[in-house]
Amino acid sequence: MNTHKIKLLIIICIAFSLKTFSQSSEGEQIATKFQQYVVGNFQEKMFVHIDRSFYLSGETMWFKIYNTDASTNQLSSISKIAYVELLNTDNKAVLQATIQLQEGTGNGQFSLPITLPTGNYTFRAYTNWMKNYSEEIAFHKIIGIVNVFEKNNDSINHTNKYDMQFFPEGGNLVKNIQSKIAFKAVNNVGEGISFQGKIVNQNNNVIVSFEPQKFGIGSFLFTPEADNTYKAIIITASNDTLSYNIPAIYDKGYVMLTETTEDFVTISVQANNNNSEKLYLVAYNNNTIQINQSQNLQNGKTVFNIHKASLKDGINYFTLFNSNNKPVCERLWYKRPVAKEFVKATINQPHFANREKVNIEVLSYNYQKQPIASNMSIAVFKTDELQPAESIDIQQYFWLTSNLKGNIENAGYYLNTISKQTDEALDNLLLTQGWRRFDWNNILQNTSPVKKYLPEYEGQLITGKVINKNTLTPVSSIGVFLSTSGKDFGFTAALSNNEGDFVAIMPKVINKSILVAQTNNRTDSNYRIDINSPYWNKESSFNLPYFTLHKKVESELNNYSINLQAENIYAKKPSVTQVLDYTPFYVKADESYLLDNYTRFTTMEEVMREYIPGVSVRKKSGKFTFYNIDAPRFQHFVTEPLILFDGIPVFDADKIIESNPLKVQKIDVVTRKFYYSSFAFDGIVSYTSYTGKMGTTVLDKESLLIDYDAIQQQREFYVPKYDLQENKESRLPDYRMLLHWSPNVITTTNGATNITFYTSDIEGNFTAIIQGLTQSGEPIKSSINFTVAK
């Protein structure tokens, strides 16, 4: 499928998925442009279930990817590839992997190197299509890692370094208009701090006092007066006095204040002018406009009353436009979701002995108690001060944190308990860490981000540029041939465009290998090929807090270290589960010759002349050439075929003739014109060696060889079985801290499935977390706690 077809498919899919909405005639232009933008800017949202959040260097991290349509949260089949990275504090990738997606999900693992330093890392995941938008769109999660072989792992000293920011509701402070100002204050490890604060004017008079409500976050009301200047002074719990500037105060502008009653959201708008300007308020959620109202200012004031029933669950965006259709204020407001679909996990008992069988029954169902289909994953692990229960789950992510910037300290606090205090804390959080997936200016000006990165709808895309080596300028219409050598080789080809750029779809290739890039050196020997990395070249927007490890966990850390070393010695290694059915790009050869079935010749020329009737071998001016038979027309082609050796194109038949035929296992011949991408090959001759590694021996010196991060090979998490008494009494230690991991907990329309595993020799508290998505796109999650003791 070509690029235009892919883009057209996306737009058609989105257009059919859009929901209708009501709108006022005054705001029709804004709503229409919004809908047009959404149709042309399909967006994905990704969540990754990672088995744990704390590791030792040398452990294995397991994960499952859920890639969805951001408008519906339903699993998306648009992208077939996801990219995952583990970034250090310098935003450098220490691990990277390419994961195959099937119907929106995929799974993989990172083997953490034993040399990985202690610290916090960012796990980042995204698709190629996501790279067209802001980096915040990627999935981010903090992962803590300790290298027990480093010195001074037991503690890291806190320094009295703080950061404080202020966020006026709606966006700006305006002179002589009361505003709500939210604030956030954190220490050097990203934790919210306690403090006493005050706003003072130029005469050092206290205008307002304030303190955080939760996690260093809070808000206060403040009216900046004309001809005054202000600053904030805070005194921390450690008695540090700090001074900060507050946001700029504007002479003219608009201010919004939001209040919530049982049934309504009331948005009061005030501007420091007295005209009767018409204002428009738009409310949207998940790319769907739900509210489009207009009001006239009267004496510089007006009020919008929005019934909560007209808003969707989760984060709603309120944007205020002036009479020129310019956005002047914006804020986020949260409607607590009413769950309609659920998952229930039931364990056979709350307490277990070592090496005892655990059985968990899983049932997904809707609010009518009817079973439903769902796609989930499960992790079962030991919990303690080093390894808490999951810091963020799929419900928190889809309903809240995916629309917020940065790390959210204890996201569960805002959603797991409903009270006036948590409602206020949640509102303050939205004011301090909210963001949106697009820019209103782009919408209103009918401009969209340049779609530099195509969706990988059919497979992994390899992109690059062809450069003239003498002039260093791009070159168009040059054939680029890309291969990974082997018996199950990968091959693709593309033509460069006017800017020298090319895009090629690589068939499924498993695990890291060497990618060979070349042009036809007989005709295009003066060109250089540059290959682009598939990984995002933008730094992560996620600010990593400093890593802390307190002295009191030293004994637990020592136990972790002993357990890991024992696991590495005695545990069975994960087995490979992904075996792809291999078919070459030409699918089926017209002629195929297994050379072991023939009397062996010692020269390749003899083999070709005696055994391969579909290829004519000729010699002209001392150079060998091949010409395949055009079988449908009963004649020979007049140009040479595509020649491959273990998947590597060979443009000089002399190199084939010079090769050792005793190392060749098979020869495939295509005796017809073969169309591939922009090419029409006059037949194909493909040589396969016994080792699959002979292709690199016939490479031209101008070929480019690079490490190619192909699709990661899936591995199966190993769970020992103690069903037999002799296994249960085995003296081999079992020090698994992660008792079970399964990325494929699937319930069909009956809604039920069963999970079994065995406990290890480790005692303590354990947690099983089951989470995923229903067929309708609702995030579901359940957790179970149990203990293991002798």
Foldseek 3Di string as FASTA:
>chain_A
DDQVVLQVVQLVVQVVVADDADADPLCPLLQVLLLVQCSNQWDKAKDKDWQFQEEEAQAKIKIKMAIGGLLQLFAALQFQKKKKFKAFQVLDTPDIFIFGDDSGMTIAMDRGHLPDAWWKIKIWMDFLQNLLFDLLRIDIDIHGYHNPPDPPRFWDDFDAAKDKAKFWAFGAAEAQDKTKIKMAMAGQQRWAFWKKKFKAKPVRDTPDIDIALPRRIAIDIDHHHPPIAIWMWIQTPVGDIDIGHYDDYHHWAKHWDWDDDPWKIKIKMFTPDADFWKKWKWKDDSSHTQDIDIGTDHGRIDMDIGTPVSDDAAKMKIFMATNVRHTGTIFIAHDHDDFFKAKDKDWPDFEAAAFDKIKIKIFIAGPVRFGFWFWWWKWKFFDDPSTHPDQDDPQLCSRPDSQWDADDGRSCQLRVDDDPSSNNVSRRRRSPTGDDGDDSVCSSVVHDRDSPGGRNSPADKKKWFKAQQPVRATDWQFKKWKWFFFPLIKIWIFTAHPRRMTIIHIPADEFKTKMKIDTLCVVPVRIAIDIDDSDRPDRNSHNRRIDTRHNVCVVVVVVSVVLSVLCVVFPDDWAFDDDDDGAYPQRAFPDKDFPVVDDDDFWVVCCCVPPPVQWDWDADPRFIAIWGAAVVVRGTDPHGFFEEESTATANGCVLVRPDTCVQWGMWGKHNHFDDHHPDTGNIYIYTAGPGSPCRVVRDDPSMDIDIDNGHYGHTDDDADHPPDVCSVPDPRAFSDRTFDIDSGPIDHSNRIDMDMGTRGNDWHKMKMKMWGATSSSNTYIDMDMHTYHD
